Amino acid sequence: MESKHVIIPKEKMVWSPGVYENTEMCYLWDDPELERRVFLLKMKPGSVIPMHDHPQREIAMLLEGEMILNETEIMREGDFLTAGLGESHVVTTEKGCVLFLYIDYNVEKKKIVDAL
């Protein structure tokens, strides 16, 4: 029987420049058809991800460090976050952090498909 699971050893993970300044991303898995993906996000000390919305469900766990959402909500190692459509936030970190992120299907597209 053919194995369908994926294992990526930590030493073989590839980090690339992130979308935002002073960030890096390590892409782990994607499903282009359903627009789902999994990646690690590394935010260097002092980096900022500006206010943004989530047309896709974001599911995240803070693996290392500390980050602040909307200037008042502090996340620490092991904390969980989920955000969806209309649940905007700005993300900052003073010390730096690493997040595990799973991005689910596009909510807006699903609404369109369900309406047909």
Protein backbone atom coordinates (compact mmCIF):
# COMPACT_ATOMS: atom_id res chain seq x y z
CA MET A 1 0.00 0.00 0.00
CA GLU A 2 1.33 3.44 -0.94
CA SER A 3 1.86 5.91 1.91
CA LYS A 4 0.08 9.25 1.53
CA HIS A 5 1.33 11.05 4.59
CA VAL A 6 4.10 13.64 4.47
CA ILE A 7 7.00 14.03 6.87
CA ILE A 8 9.38 16.98 6.56
CA PRO A 9 12.35 16.72 8.92
CA LYS A 10 13.12 20.02 10.65
CA GLU A 11 16.59 20.19 9.07
CA LYS A 12 15.06 19.96 5.57
CA MET A 13 12.52 22.76 6.05
CA VAL A 14 13.15 25.67 3.68
CA TRP A 15 12.62 29.23 4.89
CA SER A 16 11.88 32.02 2.39
CA PRO A 17 11.38 35.78 2.79
CA GLY A 18 7.87 36.45 4.09
CA VAL A 19 5.18 38.65 2.62
CA TYR A 20 5.84 41.32 5.26
CA GLU A 21 9.14 43.00 6.18
CA ASN A 22 11.24 41.11 8.76
CA THR A 23 9.26 37.89 8.37
CA GLU A 24 10.07 34.46 6.96
CA MET A 25 7.80 31.63 5.86
CA CYS A 26 8.31 27.90 5.61
CA TYR A 27 5.65 26.28 3.43
CA LEU A 28 4.81 22.76 4.59
CA TRP A 29 1.72 21.63 2.66
CA ASP A 30 -0.93 22.93 0.29
CA ASP A 31 -4.09 21.79 -1.44
CA PRO A 32 -4.46 24.17 -4.42
CA GLU A 33 -7.89 22.87 -5.39
CA LEU A 34 -9.43 23.76 -2.03
CA GLU A 35 -7.02 26.65 -1.35
CA ARG A 36 -5.86 25.20 1.96
CA ARG A 37 -2.28 25.47 3.16
CA VAL A 38 0.00 24.97 6.14
CA PHE A 39 3.13 26.96 6.91
CA LEU A 40 5.37 28.32 9.63
CA LEU A 41 5.68 32.08 10.04
CA LYS A 42 8.74 33.56 11.71
CA MET A 43 8.45 37.19 12.82
CA LYS A 44 11.74 38.82 13.77
CA PRO A 45 11.89 41.16 16.80
CA GLY A 46 10.03 44.42 16.12
CA SER A 47 8.17 43.15 13.04
CA VAL A 48 4.58 44.10 12.23
CA ILE A 49 1.86 42.51 10.14
CA PRO A 50 -0.56 45.37 9.38
CA MET A 51 -4.32 45.21 9.93
CA HIS A 52 -5.77 42.44 7.76
CA ASP A 53 -8.96 40.42 7.37
CA HIS A 54 -9.34 36.67 6.82
CA PRO A 55 -11.45 35.58 3.85
CA GLN A 56 -10.13 32.12 4.72
CA ARG A 57 -10.26 30.57 8.20
CA GLU A 58 -6.88 31.03 9.92
CA ILE A 59 -5.95 28.52 12.60
CA ALA A 60 -2.69 29.22 14.43
CA MET A 61 -0.60 28.12 17.37
CA LEU A 62 2.27 30.17 18.74
CA LEU A 63 5.28 27.83 18.92
CA GLU A 64 7.95 30.25 20.15
CA GLY A 65 8.11 33.77 21.54
CA GLU A 66 5.37 36.27 22.15
CA MET A 67 3.09 38.37 19.91
CA ILE A 68 0.47 41.06 20.38
CA LEU A 69 -2.83 41.36 18.50
CA ASN A 70 -4.51 44.75 18.18
CA GLU A 71 -2.10 46.32 20.69
CA THR A 72 -3.75 44.66 23.72
CA GLU A 73 -4.11 40.88 23.32
CA ILE A 74 -0.90 39.03 24.19
CA MET A 75 -0.20 35.53 22.87
CA ARG A 76 2.53 33.37 24.40
CA GLU A 77 4.07 30.01 23.50
CA GLY A 78 1.38 27.34 23.26
CA ASP A 79 -1.51 29.79 22.80
CA PHE A 80 -4.11 29.10 20.09
CA LEU A 81 -5.76 31.57 17.68
CA THR A 82 -8.46 31.29 15.07
CA ALA A 83 -9.78 34.12 12.90
CA GLY A 84 -12.19 34.24 9.99
CA LEU A 85 -14.05 36.61 7.74
CA GLY A 86 -14.61 39.97 9.46
CA GLU A 87 -12.20 39.14 12.31
CA SER A 88 -9.40 41.61 11.54
CA HIS A 89 -6.24 42.20 13.53
CA VAL A 90 -2.79 43.77 13.44
CA VAL A 91 0.06 41.59 14.72
CA THR A 92 3.26 42.86 16.35
CA THR A 93 6.11 41.27 18.25
CA GLU A 94 8.80 42.89 20.34
CA LYS A 95 10.90 39.77 20.96
CA GLY A 96 10.10 37.75 17.82
CA CYS A 97 7.99 34.62 17.43
CA VAL A 98 7.24 31.53 15.34
CA LEU A 99 3.68 30.49 14.46
CA PHE A 100 2.22 27.33 12.96
CA LEU A 101 -0.62 28.32 10.60
CA TYR A 102 -3.32 26.35 8.81
CA ILE A 103 -5.35 28.34 6.30
CA ASP A 104 -8.66 26.70 5.39
CA TYR A 105 -10.80 27.06 2.27
CA ASN A 106 -11.87 30.45 0.88
CA VAL A 107 -15.05 31.41 2.75
CA GLU A 108 -16.25 33.82 0.04
CA LYS A 109 -15.88 31.23 -2.74
CA LYS A 110 -17.72 28.63 -0.66
CA LYS A 111 -20.65 31.03 -0.19
CA ILE A 112 -20.83 31.52 -3.96
CA VAL A 113 -20.66 27.78 -4.65
CA ASP A 114 -23.26 26.97 -1.96
CA ALA A 115 -25.65 29.55 -3.45
CA LEU A 116 -25.58 27.89 -6.91
